[in-house]
Amino acid sequence: MSALEHYMYVLECGDGSLYTGYAVDVEARLFAHRAGRGAKYTRSHAPVRLAAQARFFSKARAMSAEALFKRLPRDRKDALLAQAMGEPFEEVLRRELPGFGSDTAEEFVCRSLAGGIDAGYRDFMARLMPTVDPVRVVGVRTPVLRAIARELARRPDAPSYLRALPHRLFEEMQVHAFAIGLERDYDAALALYDRFLPHVDNWATCDQLPVKVLAKDPGRTLQRVGEWLASGDCYTVRFGIGVLMRLYLDERFERRFLDEAAAARLPGAPERPDPESPAYYVDMMRAWYFAEALARQEAAALPYLLARGEGALLDEWTRRKAIQKAIESRRIAPELKARLRQAR
């Protein structure tokens, strides 16, 4: 049993009637039916045996198969079950069940994820994201996720996937993020960002959300950055700071952006945010921003890392974290690192 196992199953009851249901663990569900805990119908029509089961990769797809199969007349159900004696039941249903047809976009994504699972990588990623329930992480590496997103974007039903938020799995959200990055139309991309950002619940999805299309209209994007920074939502604020860092630290840089990043704190943020609190993920991004700004706009950024006390331009926790990141960077000169160490 895994997060990508969803089953539609058919039981034959003691009187010859059929019962159809959904489960993530068919053996456990069959045991419950036989113990009288499965369903009212099977309790009164015992004993039961498993006639067939069809494996799908999303709950919606399995439950759709269940609903459509239940509508069939008995002779048609028997014909499909007979075919399942010689091939997987899910293939029979995909081919023969009226109204079912080929995979949905969601089923395609989940089926593709199932083919790229790396258990070791899953455990590694789950440890890095304390805000995500480990059950939601299946362990698929980023290059595979990007490839799935490219395939998804070529499907005619891709918009249905991009409307279906939030997705249950971390990797489904990652595929969605990478699919947004494939949108070339600026206005269409903005609509996708607006729909997606409120559902982001971890730093990895936030930071891997592509921003290249936003460079097509820097002026409008800056307006949106202001809105994102003022949203009060942890990962929307973090994304806004990330856009400033990725698109506005070179030829588009203005000193005022440093002040905007310095002020981009969540309301009521503590002086020392806990690693599981929303404020932590905003302040860590702010620290990353200033360390990056020091590497690319040293003269403008340096005062934010050096000033302390009454003249401080950053809260002390973020200032120290930014210094730490800058000292760890290979792009900061040794002389400047020594000066930063003295300023801690």
C-alpha atoms as a PDB file:
ATOM      1  CA  MET A   1       0.000   0.000   0.000  1.00  0.00           C
ATOM      2  CA  SER A   2       1.268   3.488  -0.900  1.00  0.00           C
ATOM      3  CA  ALA A   3      -0.049   6.994  -1.422  1.00  0.00           C
ATOM      4  CA  LEU A   4      -0.370   6.130  -5.122  1.00  0.00           C
ATOM      5  CA  GLU A   5      -2.461   2.983  -4.689  1.00  0.00           C
ATOM      6  CA  HIS A   6      -6.217   3.367  -5.067  1.00  0.00           C
ATOM      7  CA  TYR A   7      -8.503   0.460  -5.833  1.00  0.00           C
ATOM      8  CA  MET A   8     -11.984  -0.143  -7.109  1.00  0.00           C
ATOM      9  CA  TYR A   9     -13.002  -3.678  -6.086  1.00  0.00           C
ATOM     10  CA  VAL A  10     -15.937  -6.005  -6.678  1.00  0.00           C
ATOM     11  CA  LEU A  11     -17.160  -8.616  -4.229  1.00  0.00           C
ATOM     12  CA  GLU A  12     -19.441 -11.545  -4.957  1.00  0.00           C
ATOM     13  CA  CYS A  13     -21.796 -12.077  -2.040  1.00  0.00           C
ATOM     14  CA  GLY A  14     -23.228 -15.309  -0.710  1.00  0.00           C
ATOM     15  CA  ASP A  15     -26.498 -14.884  -2.630  1.00  0.00           C
ATOM     16  CA  GLY A  16     -24.664 -14.210  -5.910  1.00  0.00           C
ATOM     17  CA  SER A  17     -25.184 -10.439  -5.817  1.00  0.00           C
ATOM     18  CA  LEU A  18     -22.283  -8.028  -6.358  1.00  0.00           C
ATOM     19  CA  TYR A  19     -20.917  -5.283  -4.131  1.00  0.00           C
ATOM     20  CA  THR A  20     -18.582  -2.578  -5.515  1.00  0.00           C
ATOM     21  CA  GLY A  21     -16.379  -0.352  -3.370  1.00  0.00           C
ATOM     22  CA  TYR A  22     -13.256   1.791  -3.075  1.00  0.00           C
ATOM     23  CA  ALA A  23     -10.200   1.048  -0.920  1.00  0.00           C
ATOM     24  CA  VAL A  24      -6.535   1.835  -0.566  1.00  0.00           C
ATOM     25  CA  ASP A  25      -5.869  -1.619   0.901  1.00  0.00           C
ATOM     26  CA  VAL A  26      -8.122  -4.275  -0.613  1.00  0.00           C
ATOM     27  CA  GLU A  27      -6.963  -7.091   1.671  1.00  0.00           C
ATOM     28  CA  ALA A  28      -7.736  -5.058   4.786  1.00  0.00           C
ATOM     29  CA  ARG A  29     -11.084  -4.009   3.356  1.00  0.00           C
ATOM     30  CA  LEU A  30     -11.972  -7.591   2.447  1.00  0.00           C
ATOM     31  CA  PHE A  31     -11.115  -8.677   5.988  1.00  0.00           C
ATOM     32  CA  ALA A  32     -13.416  -5.948   7.339  1.00  0.00           C
ATOM     33  CA  HIS A  33     -16.261  -7.101   5.105  1.00  0.00           C
ATOM     34  CA  ARG A  34     -15.838 -10.689   6.213  1.00  0.00           C
ATOM     35  CA  ALA A  35     -15.758  -9.575   9.850  1.00  0.00           C
ATOM     36  CA  GLY A  36     -19.040  -7.718   9.408  1.00  0.00           C
ATOM     37  CA  ARG A  37     -17.448  -4.260   9.593  1.00  0.00           C
ATOM     38  CA  GLY A  38     -17.228  -3.446   5.902  1.00  0.00           C
ATOM     39  CA  ALA A  39     -20.703  -2.304   4.859  1.00  0.00           C
ATOM     40  CA  LYS A  40     -24.321  -2.860   5.837  1.00  0.00           C
ATOM     41  CA  TYR A  41     -24.984  -4.619   2.511  1.00  0.00           C
ATOM     42  CA  THR A  42     -22.209  -7.187   2.875  1.00  0.00           C
ATOM     43  CA  ARG A  43     -23.164  -7.884   6.498  1.00  0.00           C
ATOM     44  CA  SER A  44     -26.588  -9.006   5.330  1.00  0.00           C
ATOM     45  CA  HIS A  45     -25.338 -10.849   2.213  1.00  0.00           C
ATOM     46  CA  ALA A  46     -22.350 -12.749   3.623  1.00  0.00           C
ATOM     47  CA  PRO A  47     -20.162 -14.589   2.906  1.00  0.00           C
ATOM     48  CA  VAL A  48     -18.183 -12.598   0.335  1.00  0.00           C
ATOM     49  CA  ARG A  49     -15.301 -13.300  -2.014  1.00  0.00           C
ATOM     50  CA  LEU A  50     -13.167 -10.937  -4.050  1.00  0.00           C
ATOM     51  CA  ALA A  51     -14.263 -11.117  -7.682  1.00  0.00           C
ATOM     52  CA  ALA A  52     -11.888  -8.466  -9.099  1.00  0.00           C
ATOM     53  CA  GLN A  53      -9.865  -5.398  -8.214  1.00  0.00           C
ATOM     54  CA  ALA A  54      -8.622  -2.552 -10.399  1.00  0.00           C
ATOM     55  CA  ARG A  55      -5.594  -0.509  -9.364  1.00  0.00           C
ATOM     56  CA  PHE A  56      -5.547   3.230 -10.102  1.00  0.00           C
ATOM     57  CA  PHE A  57      -3.176   6.003  -9.119  1.00  0.00           C
ATOM     58  CA  SER A  58      -5.636   8.601  -7.848  1.00  0.00           C
ATOM     59  CA  LYS A  59      -8.684   8.387  -5.613  1.00  0.00           C
ATOM     60  CA  ALA A  60     -10.805  10.338  -8.088  1.00  0.00           C
ATOM     61  CA  ARG A  61     -10.093   7.858 -10.868  1.00  0.00           C
ATOM     62  CA  ALA A  62     -10.859   4.813  -8.707  1.00  0.00           C
ATOM     63  CA  MET A  63     -14.083   6.298  -7.409  1.00  0.00           C
ATOM     64  CA  SER A  64     -15.130   7.278 -10.910  1.00  0.00           C
ATOM     65  CA  ALA A  65     -14.683   3.640 -11.980  1.00  0.00           C
ATOM     66  CA  GLU A  66     -16.705   2.523  -8.958  1.00  0.00           C
ATOM     67  CA  ALA A  67     -19.591   4.890  -9.725  1.00  0.00           C
ATOM     68  CA  LEU A  68     -19.747   3.988 -13.416  1.00  0.00           C
ATOM     69  CA  PHE A  69     -19.517   0.247 -12.792  1.00  0.00           C
ATOM     70  CA  LYS A  70     -22.383   0.400 -10.292  1.00  0.00           C
ATOM     71  CA  ARG A  71     -24.672   1.847 -12.973  1.00  0.00           C
ATOM     72  CA  LEU A  72     -24.219  -1.114 -15.318  1.00  0.00           C
ATOM     73  CA  PRO A  73     -26.847  -3.855 -15.645  1.00  0.00           C
ATOM     74  CA  ARG A  74     -25.851  -7.160 -14.092  1.00  0.00           C
ATOM     75  CA  ASP A  75     -25.186  -8.948 -17.363  1.00  0.00           C
ATOM     76  CA  ARG A  76     -22.735  -6.225 -18.413  1.00  0.00           C
ATOM     77  CA  LYS A  77     -20.957  -6.377 -15.065  1.00  0.00           C
ATOM     78  CA  ASP A  78     -20.574 -10.122 -15.452  1.00  0.00           C
ATOM     79  CA  ALA A  79     -19.121  -9.676 -18.930  1.00  0.00           C
ATOM     80  CA  LEU A  80     -16.471  -7.231 -17.671  1.00  0.00           C
ATOM     81  CA  LEU A  81     -15.587  -9.472 -14.747  1.00  0.00           C
ATOM     82  CA  ALA A  82     -15.167 -12.381 -17.143  1.00  0.00           C
ATOM     83  CA  GLN A  83     -12.719 -10.345 -19.224  1.00  0.00           C
ATOM     84  CA  ALA A  84     -10.784  -9.535 -16.062  1.00  0.00           C
ATOM     85  CA  MET A  85      -9.922 -13.227 -15.753  1.00  0.00           C
ATOM     86  CA  GLY A  86      -7.439 -12.784 -18.596  1.00  0.00           C
ATOM     87  CA  GLU A  87      -6.112  -9.232 -18.156  1.00  0.00           C
ATOM     88  CA  PRO A  88      -5.871  -6.526 -15.487  1.00  0.00           C
ATOM     89  CA  PHE A  89      -9.309  -5.312 -14.481  1.00  0.00           C
ATOM     90  CA  GLU A  90      -8.236  -1.664 -14.807  1.00  0.00           C
ATOM     91  CA  GLU A  91      -7.402  -2.240 -18.470  1.00  0.00           C
ATOM     92  CA  VAL A  92     -10.802  -3.810 -19.055  1.00  0.00           C
ATOM     93  CA  LEU A  93     -12.520  -0.850 -17.426  1.00  0.00           C
ATOM     94  CA  ARG A  94     -10.436   1.683 -19.333  1.00  0.00           C
ATOM     95  CA  ARG A  95     -11.417   0.049 -22.606  1.00  0.00           C
ATOM     96  CA  GLU A  96     -14.973  -1.143 -21.964  1.00  0.00           C
ATOM     97  CA  LEU A  97     -16.584   0.901 -19.190  1.00  0.00           C
ATOM     98  CA  PRO A  98     -18.939   3.485 -20.758  1.00  0.00           C
ATOM     99  CA  GLY A  99     -17.932   7.066 -19.972  1.00  0.00           C
ATOM    100  CA  PHE A 100     -14.627   6.078 -18.340  1.00  0.00           C
ATOM    101  CA  GLY A 101     -12.151   6.394 -21.189  1.00  0.00           C
ATOM    102  CA  SER A 102      -8.423   7.077 -20.959  1.00  0.00           C
ATOM    103  CA  ASP A 103      -6.518   8.534 -18.028  1.00  0.00           C
ATOM    104  CA  THR A 104      -7.385  11.961 -16.680  1.00  0.00           C
ATOM    105  CA  ALA A 105      -4.608  14.512 -16.223  1.00  0.00           C
ATOM    106  CA  GLU A 106      -4.507  13.738 -12.502  1.00  0.00           C
ATOM    107  CA  GLU A 107      -4.263  10.006 -13.134  1.00  0.00           C
ATOM    108  CA  PHE A 108      -1.514  10.601 -15.712  1.00  0.00           C
ATOM    109  CA  VAL A 109       0.535  12.633 -13.216  1.00  0.00           C
ATOM    110  CA  CYS A 110       0.095  10.115 -10.401  1.00  0.00           C
ATOM    111  CA  ARG A 111       0.830   7.153 -12.671  1.00  0.00           C
ATOM    112  CA  SER A 112       4.002   8.923 -13.812  1.00  0.00           C
ATOM    113  CA  LEU A 113       5.026   9.649 -10.225  1.00  0.00           C
ATOM    114  CA  ALA A 114       4.635   5.969  -9.347  1.00  0.00           C
ATOM    115  CA  GLY A 115       7.255   5.117 -11.954  1.00  0.00           C
ATOM    116  CA  GLY A 116       9.884   7.425 -10.442  1.00  0.00           C
ATOM    117  CA  ILE A 117       9.766   6.713  -6.709  1.00  0.00           C
ATOM    118  CA  ASP A 118      13.069   6.690  -4.825  1.00  0.00           C
ATOM    119  CA  ALA A 119      12.499   5.611  -1.209  1.00  0.00           C
ATOM    120  CA  GLY A 120      15.791   7.025   0.026  1.00  0.00           C
ATOM    121  CA  TYR A 121      15.096  10.381  -1.570  1.00  0.00           C
ATOM    122  CA  ARG A 122      11.597  10.353  -0.064  1.00  0.00           C
ATOM    123  CA  ASP A 123      13.010  10.002   3.440  1.00  0.00           C
ATOM    124  CA  PHE A 124      15.578  12.718   2.754  1.00  0.00           C
ATOM    125  CA  MET A 125      12.973  15.208   1.493  1.00  0.00           C
ATOM    126  CA  ALA A 126      10.499  14.443   4.273  1.00  0.00           C
ATOM    127  CA  ARG A 127      13.133  15.386   6.862  1.00  0.00           C
ATOM    128  CA  LEU A 128      13.763  18.712   5.131  1.00  0.00           C
ATOM    129  CA  MET A 129      10.109  19.787   5.189  1.00  0.00           C
ATOM    130  CA  PRO A 130       8.709  19.726   8.719  1.00  0.00           C
ATOM    131  CA  THR A 131       5.562  21.549   7.584  1.00  0.00           C
ATOM    132  CA  VAL A 132       4.592  18.671   5.247  1.00  0.00           C
ATOM    133  CA  ASP A 133       3.051  15.425   6.473  1.00  0.00           C
ATOM    134  CA  PRO A 134       5.550  12.704   5.425  1.00  0.00           C
ATOM    135  CA  VAL A 135       2.631  10.644   4.103  1.00  0.00           C
ATOM    136  CA  ARG A 136       2.268  13.262   1.352  1.00  0.00           C
ATOM    137  CA  VAL A 137       5.850  12.729   0.104  1.00  0.00           C
ATOM    138  CA  VAL A 138       6.452   9.790  -2.252  1.00  0.00           C
ATOM    139  CA  GLY A 139      10.058  10.585  -3.267  1.00  0.00           C
ATOM    140  CA  VAL A 140      10.407  11.595  -6.923  1.00  0.00           C
ATOM    141  CA  ARG A 141      13.423  13.636  -7.953  1.00  0.00           C
ATOM    142  CA  THR A 142      13.173  17.067  -9.533  1.00  0.00           C
ATOM    143  CA  PRO A 143      14.319  16.155 -13.083  1.00  0.00           C
ATOM    144  CA  VAL A 144      11.583  13.515 -13.248  1.00  0.00           C
ATOM    145  CA  LEU A 145       9.013  16.002 -11.967  1.00  0.00           C
ATOM    146  CA  ARG A 146      10.038  18.509 -14.634  1.00  0.00           C
ATOM    147  CA  ALA A 147       9.684  15.854 -17.331  1.00  0.00           C
ATOM    148  CA  ILE A 148       6.197  14.948 -16.068  1.00  0.00           C
ATOM    149  CA  ALA A 149       5.247  18.643 -16.147  1.00  0.00           C
ATOM    150  CA  ARG A 150       6.359  18.902 -19.774  1.00  0.00           C
ATOM    151  CA  GLU A 151       4.230  15.894 -20.710  1.00  0.00           C
ATOM    152  CA  LEU A 152       1.315  17.294 -18.741  1.00  0.00           C
ATOM    153  CA  ALA A 153       1.538  20.626 -20.580  1.00  0.00           C
ATOM    154  CA  ARG A 154       1.061  18.820 -23.910  1.00  0.00           C
ATOM    155  CA  ARG A 155      -2.184  17.208 -22.786  1.00  0.00           C
ATOM    156  CA  PRO A 156      -5.459  18.852 -23.845  1.00  0.00           C
ATOM    157  CA  ASP A 157      -6.834  18.339 -20.338  1.00  0.00           C
ATOM    158  CA  ALA A 158      -3.875  20.028 -18.587  1.00  0.00           C
ATOM    159  CA  PRO A 159      -6.080  23.008 -17.541  1.00  0.00           C
ATOM    160  CA  SER A 160      -8.220  20.649 -15.480  1.00  0.00           C
ATOM    161  CA  TYR A 161      -5.146  19.681 -13.454  1.00  0.00           C
ATOM    162  CA  LEU A 162      -4.147  23.314 -12.980  1.00  0.00           C
ATOM    163  CA  ARG A 163      -7.627  24.088 -11.652  1.00  0.00           C
ATOM    164  CA  ALA A 164      -7.676  21.181  -9.200  1.00  0.00           C
ATOM    165  CA  LEU A 165      -6.142  22.660  -6.062  1.00  0.00           C
ATOM    166  CA  PRO A 166      -4.859  21.776  -3.616  1.00  0.00           C
ATOM    167  CA  HIS A 167      -3.276  18.519  -4.727  1.00  0.00           C
ATOM    168  CA  ARG A 168      -2.833  15.873  -2.063  1.00  0.00           C
ATOM    169  CA  LEU A 169       0.796  14.922  -2.692  1.00  0.00           C
ATOM    170  CA  PHE A 170       3.854  17.150  -2.403  1.00  0.00           C
ATOM    171  CA  GLU A 171       5.055  15.915  -5.791  1.00  0.00           C
ATOM    172  CA  GLU A 172       1.726  16.722  -7.433  1.00  0.00           C
ATOM    173  CA  MET A 173       2.190  20.301  -6.238  1.00  0.00           C
ATOM    174  CA  GLN A 174       5.724  20.297  -7.623  1.00  0.00           C
ATOM    175  CA  VAL A 175       4.520  19.145 -11.034  1.00  0.00           C
ATOM    176  CA  HIS A 176       1.900  21.899 -10.938  1.00  0.00           C
ATOM    177  CA  ALA A 177       4.583  24.490 -10.123  1.00  0.00           C
ATOM    178  CA  PHE A 178       6.805  23.363 -12.985  1.00  0.00           C
ATOM    179  CA  ALA A 179       3.818  23.385 -15.360  1.00  0.00           C
ATOM    180  CA  ILE A 180       3.192  27.031 -14.458  1.00  0.00           C
ATOM    181  CA  GLY A 181       6.776  27.711 -15.485  1.00  0.00           C
ATOM    182  CA  LEU A 182       5.994  26.433 -18.984  1.00  0.00           C
ATOM    183  CA  GLU A 183       3.301  29.073 -19.541  1.00  0.00           C
ATOM    184  CA  ARG A 184       4.650  31.725 -21.945  1.00  0.00           C
ATOM    185  CA  ASP A 185       1.739  34.169 -21.835  1.00  0.00           C
ATOM    186  CA  TYR A 186       2.269  36.736 -19.073  1.00  0.00           C
ATOM    187  CA  ASP A 187      -1.387  37.301 -18.158  1.00  0.00           C
ATOM    188  CA  ALA A 188      -2.183  33.589 -18.226  1.00  0.00           C
ATOM    189  CA  ALA A 189       0.816  32.934 -15.981  1.00  0.00           C
ATOM    190  CA  LEU A 190      -0.298  35.592 -13.480  1.00  0.00           C
ATOM    191  CA  ALA A 191      -3.681  33.909 -13.207  1.00  0.00           C
ATOM    192  CA  LEU A 192      -1.954  30.574 -12.556  1.00  0.00           C
ATOM    193  CA  TYR A 193       0.272  32.102  -9.845  1.00  0.00           C
ATOM    194  CA  ASP A 194      -2.732  33.702  -8.146  1.00  0.00           C
ATOM    195  CA  ARG A 195      -4.597  30.404  -8.078  1.00  0.00           C
ATOM    196  CA  PHE A 196      -1.580  28.399  -6.907  1.00  0.00           C
ATOM    197  CA  LEU A 197       0.147  30.528  -4.265  1.00  0.00           C
ATOM    198  CA  PRO A 198      -2.549  30.316  -1.542  1.00  0.00           C
ATOM    199  CA  HIS A 199      -2.176  26.527  -1.574  1.00  0.00           C
ATOM    200  CA  VAL A 200       1.636  26.404  -1.199  1.00  0.00           C
ATOM    201  CA  ASP A 201       2.524  24.961   2.207  1.00  0.00           C
ATOM    202  CA  ASN A 202       6.290  24.430   2.143  1.00  0.00           C
ATOM    203  CA  TRP A 203       9.521  26.171   1.217  1.00  0.00           C
ATOM    204  CA  ALA A 204      10.521  23.691  -1.512  1.00  0.00           C
ATOM    205  CA  THR A 205       7.428  24.197  -3.660  1.00  0.00           C
ATOM    206  CA  CYS A 206       7.632  27.953  -3.086  1.00  0.00           C
ATOM    207  CA  ASP A 207      11.287  28.235  -4.071  1.00  0.00           C
ATOM    208  CA  GLN A 208      11.055  25.973  -7.115  1.00  0.00           C
ATOM    209  CA  LEU A 209       8.102  27.842  -8.605  1.00  0.00           C
ATOM    210  CA  PRO A 210       9.593  29.263 -11.850  1.00  0.00           C
ATOM    211  CA  VAL A 211       9.537  33.037 -12.395  1.00  0.00           C
ATOM    212  CA  LYS A 212      11.050  33.488 -15.880  1.00  0.00           C
ATOM    213  CA  VAL A 213       7.773  34.591 -17.488  1.00  0.00           C
ATOM    214  CA  LEU A 214       7.484  37.403 -14.924  1.00  0.00           C
ATOM    215  CA  ALA A 215      10.522  39.100 -16.457  1.00  0.00           C
ATOM    216  CA  LYS A 216       8.467  39.870 -19.577  1.00  0.00           C
ATOM    217  CA  ASP A 217       6.820  42.837 -17.854  1.00  0.00           C
ATOM    218  CA  PRO A 218       9.064  44.001 -14.973  1.00  0.00           C
ATOM    219  CA  GLY A 219       6.887  46.984 -14.117  1.00  0.00           C
ATOM    220  CA  ARG A 220       3.695  44.994 -13.666  1.00  0.00           C
ATOM    221  CA  THR A 221       5.584  42.285 -11.863  1.00  0.00           C
ATOM    222  CA  LEU A 222       6.865  44.802  -9.324  1.00  0.00           C
ATOM    223  CA  GLN A 223       3.287  45.808  -8.612  1.00  0.00           C
ATOM    224  CA  ARG A 224       2.404  42.187  -8.008  1.00  0.00           C
ATOM    225  CA  VAL A 225       5.467  41.735  -5.797  1.00  0.00           C
ATOM    226  CA  GLY A 226       4.168  44.550  -3.616  1.00  0.00           C
ATOM    227  CA  GLU A 227       0.831  42.767  -3.328  1.00  0.00           C
ATOM    228  CA  TRP A 228       2.508  39.453  -2.511  1.00  0.00           C
ATOM    229  CA  LEU A 229       4.681  41.035   0.173  1.00  0.00           C
ATOM    230  CA  ALA A 230       1.626  42.640   1.760  1.00  0.00           C
ATOM    231  CA  SER A 231      -0.492  39.463   1.620  1.00  0.00           C
ATOM    232  CA  GLY A 232       0.352  38.241   5.122  1.00  0.00           C
ATOM    233  CA  ASP A 233       0.471  34.671   3.780  1.00  0.00           C
ATOM    234  CA  CYS A 234       3.755  32.936   4.607  1.00  0.00           C
ATOM    235  CA  TYR A 235       4.657  31.384   1.277  1.00  0.00           C
ATOM    236  CA  THR A 236       3.143  34.160  -0.838  1.00  0.00           C
ATOM    237  CA  VAL A 237       5.391  36.631   1.008  1.00  0.00           C
ATOM    238  CA  ARG A 238       8.341  34.269   0.633  1.00  0.00           C
ATOM    239  CA  PHE A 239       7.650  33.962  -3.091  1.00  0.00           C
ATOM    240  CA  GLY A 240       7.524  37.747  -3.467  1.00  0.00           C
ATOM    241  CA  ILE A 241      10.938  38.099  -1.800  1.00  0.00           C
ATOM    242  CA  GLY A 242      12.218  35.325  -4.056  1.00  0.00           C
ATOM    243  CA  VAL A 243      11.036  37.214  -7.150  1.00  0.00           C
ATOM    244  CA  LEU A 244      12.912  40.312  -5.958  1.00  0.00           C
ATOM    245  CA  MET A 245      16.010  38.171  -5.486  1.00  0.00           C
ATOM    246  CA  ARG A 246      15.814  36.335  -8.797  1.00  0.00           C
ATOM    247  CA  LEU A 247      14.733  39.155 -11.102  1.00  0.00           C
ATOM    248  CA  TYR A 248      15.718  42.461  -9.470  1.00  0.00           C
ATOM    249  CA  LEU A 249      19.276  42.193  -8.164  1.00  0.00           C
ATOM    250  CA  ASP A 250      21.092  42.930 -11.412  1.00  0.00           C
ATOM    251  CA  GLU A 251      20.278  45.534 -14.082  1.00  0.00           C
ATOM    252  CA  ARG A 252      16.786  46.070 -12.648  1.00  0.00           C
ATOM    253  CA  PHE A 253      18.052  46.680  -9.115  1.00  0.00           C
ATOM    254  CA  GLU A 254      16.913  49.694  -7.117  1.00  0.00           C
ATOM    255  CA  ARG A 255      17.949  50.446  -3.525  1.00  0.00           C
ATOM    256  CA  ARG A 256      14.338  50.650  -2.410  1.00  0.00           C
ATOM    257  CA  PHE A 257      13.982  46.926  -2.983  1.00  0.00           C
ATOM    258  CA  LEU A 258      16.269  46.338  -0.002  1.00  0.00           C
ATOM    259  CA  ASP A 259      13.912  48.305   2.233  1.00  0.00           C
ATOM    260  CA  GLU A 260      10.934  46.353   0.889  1.00  0.00           C
ATOM    261  CA  ALA A 261      12.623  43.047   1.652  1.00  0.00           C
ATOM    262  CA  ALA A 262      13.676  44.285   5.102  1.00  0.00           C
ATOM    263  CA  ALA A 263      10.072  45.217   5.915  1.00  0.00           C
ATOM    264  CA  ALA A 264       8.534  42.003   4.561  1.00  0.00           C
ATOM    265  CA  ARG A 265       7.817  40.306   7.875  1.00  0.00           C
ATOM    266  CA  LEU A 266       4.694  38.494   8.937  1.00  0.00           C
ATOM    267  CA  PRO A 267       2.501  40.361  11.440  1.00  0.00           C
ATOM    268  CA  GLY A 268       3.530  39.524  14.992  1.00  0.00           C
ATOM    269  CA  ALA A 269       6.687  37.681  13.914  1.00  0.00           C
ATOM    270  CA  PRO A 270       8.751  36.745  17.011  1.00  0.00           C
ATOM    271  CA  GLU A 271      12.350  37.841  17.510  1.00  0.00           C
ATOM    272  CA  ARG A 272      13.533  34.222  17.228  1.00  0.00           C
ATOM    273  CA  PRO A 273      11.106  32.309  14.984  1.00  0.00           C
ATOM    274  CA  ASP A 274      10.662  28.591  15.533  1.00  0.00           C
ATOM    275  CA  PRO A 275      11.619  26.342  12.564  1.00  0.00           C
ATOM    276  CA  GLU A 276       8.028  25.109  12.327  1.00  0.00           C
ATOM    277  CA  SER A 277       6.462  28.579  12.406  1.00  0.00           C
ATOM    278  CA  PRO A 278       5.448  30.521   9.254  1.00  0.00           C
ATOM    279  CA  ALA A 279       7.635  33.471  10.321  1.00  0.00           C
ATOM    280  CA  TYR A 280      10.726  31.263  10.162  1.00  0.00           C
ATOM    281  CA  TYR A 281      10.278  30.591   6.440  1.00  0.00           C
ATOM    282  CA  VAL A 282       9.733  34.259   5.634  1.00  0.00           C
ATOM    283  CA  ASP A 283      12.704  35.426   7.695  1.00  0.00           C
ATOM    284  CA  MET A 284      14.990  32.752   6.283  1.00  0.00           C
ATOM    285  CA  MET A 285      14.115  33.955   2.782  1.00  0.00           C
ATOM    286  CA  ARG A 286      14.830  37.532   3.840  1.00  0.00           C
ATOM    287  CA  ALA A 287      18.233  36.401   5.121  1.00  0.00           C
ATOM    288  CA  TRP A 288      18.909  34.599   1.850  1.00  0.00           C
ATOM    289  CA  TYR A 289      17.884  37.700  -0.082  1.00  0.00           C
ATOM    290  CA  PHE A 290      20.357  39.942   1.783  1.00  0.00           C
ATOM    291  CA  ALA A 291      23.192  37.441   1.465  1.00  0.00           C
ATOM    292  CA  GLU A 292      22.528  37.285  -2.268  1.00  0.00           C
ATOM    293  CA  ALA A 293      22.218  41.068  -2.474  1.00  0.00           C
ATOM    294  CA  LEU A 294      25.617  41.392  -0.783  1.00  0.00           C
ATOM    295  CA  ALA A 295      27.165  39.242  -3.529  1.00  0.00           C
ATOM    296  CA  ARG A 296      25.553  41.231  -6.345  1.00  0.00           C
ATOM    297  CA  GLN A 297      25.036  44.726  -4.923  1.00  0.00           C
ATOM    298  CA  GLU A 298      27.652  44.927  -2.179  1.00  0.00           C
ATOM    299  CA  ALA A 299      27.729  48.685  -1.577  1.00  0.00           C
ATOM    300  CA  ALA A 300      23.960  48.931  -1.225  1.00  0.00           C
ATOM    301  CA  ALA A 301      23.465  45.756   0.813  1.00  0.00           C
ATOM    302  CA  LEU A 302      26.404  45.898   3.228  1.00  0.00           C
ATOM    303  CA  PRO A 303      24.865  48.455   5.649  1.00  0.00           C
ATOM    304  CA  TYR A 304      21.924  46.117   6.271  1.00  0.00           C
ATOM    305  CA  LEU A 305      24.292  43.437   7.538  1.00  0.00           C
ATOM    306  CA  LEU A 306      26.586  45.728   9.532  1.00  0.00           C
ATOM    307  CA  ALA A 307      24.174  48.099  11.280  1.00  0.00           C
ATOM    308  CA  ARG A 308      23.173  47.039  14.796  1.00  0.00           C
ATOM    309  CA  GLY A 309      21.368  48.480  17.758  1.00  0.00           C
ATOM    310  CA  GLU A 310      19.350  51.665  17.309  1.00  0.00           C
ATOM    311  CA  GLY A 311      20.578  52.096  13.757  1.00  0.00           C
ATOM    312  CA  ALA A 312      19.730  48.544  12.685  1.00  0.00           C
ATOM    313  CA  LEU A 313      18.134  48.134   9.252  1.00  0.00           C
ATOM    314  CA  LEU A 314      17.202  44.484   9.861  1.00  0.00           C
ATOM    315  CA  ASP A 315      15.880  42.604  12.869  1.00  0.00           C
ATOM    316  CA  GLU A 316      18.811  40.971  14.650  1.00  0.00           C
ATOM    317  CA  TRP A 317      17.847  37.342  13.955  1.00  0.00           C
ATOM    318  CA  THR A 318      17.591  37.897  10.195  1.00  0.00           C
ATOM    319  CA  ARG A 319      20.762  40.012  10.144  1.00  0.00           C
ATOM    320  CA  ARG A 320      22.741  37.214  11.795  1.00  0.00           C
ATOM    321  CA  LYS A 321      21.280  34.581   9.484  1.00  0.00           C
ATOM    322  CA  ALA A 322      22.165  36.725   6.461  1.00  0.00           C
ATOM    323  CA  ILE A 323      25.730  37.077   7.714  1.00  0.00           C
ATOM    324  CA  GLN A 324      25.958  33.320   8.207  1.00  0.00           C
ATOM    325  CA  LYS A 325      24.756  32.689   4.650  1.00  0.00           C
ATOM    326  CA  ALA A 326      27.152  35.288   3.260  1.00  0.00           C
ATOM    327  CA  ILE A 327      30.108  33.737   5.095  1.00  0.00           C
ATOM    328  CA  GLU A 328      29.179  30.352   3.629  1.00  0.00           C
ATOM    329  CA  SER A 329      29.013  31.789   0.099  1.00  0.00           C
ATOM    330  CA  ARG A 330      31.883  31.279  -2.333  1.00  0.00           C
ATOM    331  CA  ARG A 331      31.090  34.613  -3.995  1.00  0.00           C
ATOM    332  CA  ILE A 332      31.971  36.731  -0.977  1.00  0.00           C
ATOM    333  CA  ALA A 333      35.610  37.833  -0.751  1.00  0.00           C
ATOM    334  CA  PRO A 334      37.628  36.589   2.277  1.00  0.00           C
ATOM    335  CA  GLU A 335      38.247  40.178   3.446  1.00  0.00           C
ATOM    336  CA  LEU A 336      34.517  40.890   3.516  1.00  0.00           C
ATOM    337  CA  LYS A 337      33.832  37.623   5.307  1.00  0.00           C
ATOM    338  CA  ALA A 338      36.294  38.628   8.007  1.00  0.00           C
ATOM    339  CA  ARG A 339      34.497  41.945   8.417  1.00  0.00           C
ATOM    340  CA  LEU A 340      31.155  40.163   8.663  1.00  0.00           C
ATOM    341  CA  ARG A 341      32.461  37.823  11.349  1.00  0.00           C
ATOM    342  CA  GLN A 342      33.411  40.816  13.439  1.00  0.00           C
ATOM    343  CA  ALA A 343      29.917  42.267  12.962  1.00  0.00           C
ATOM    344  CA  ARG A 344      28.079  39.228  14.294  1.00  0.00           C
END
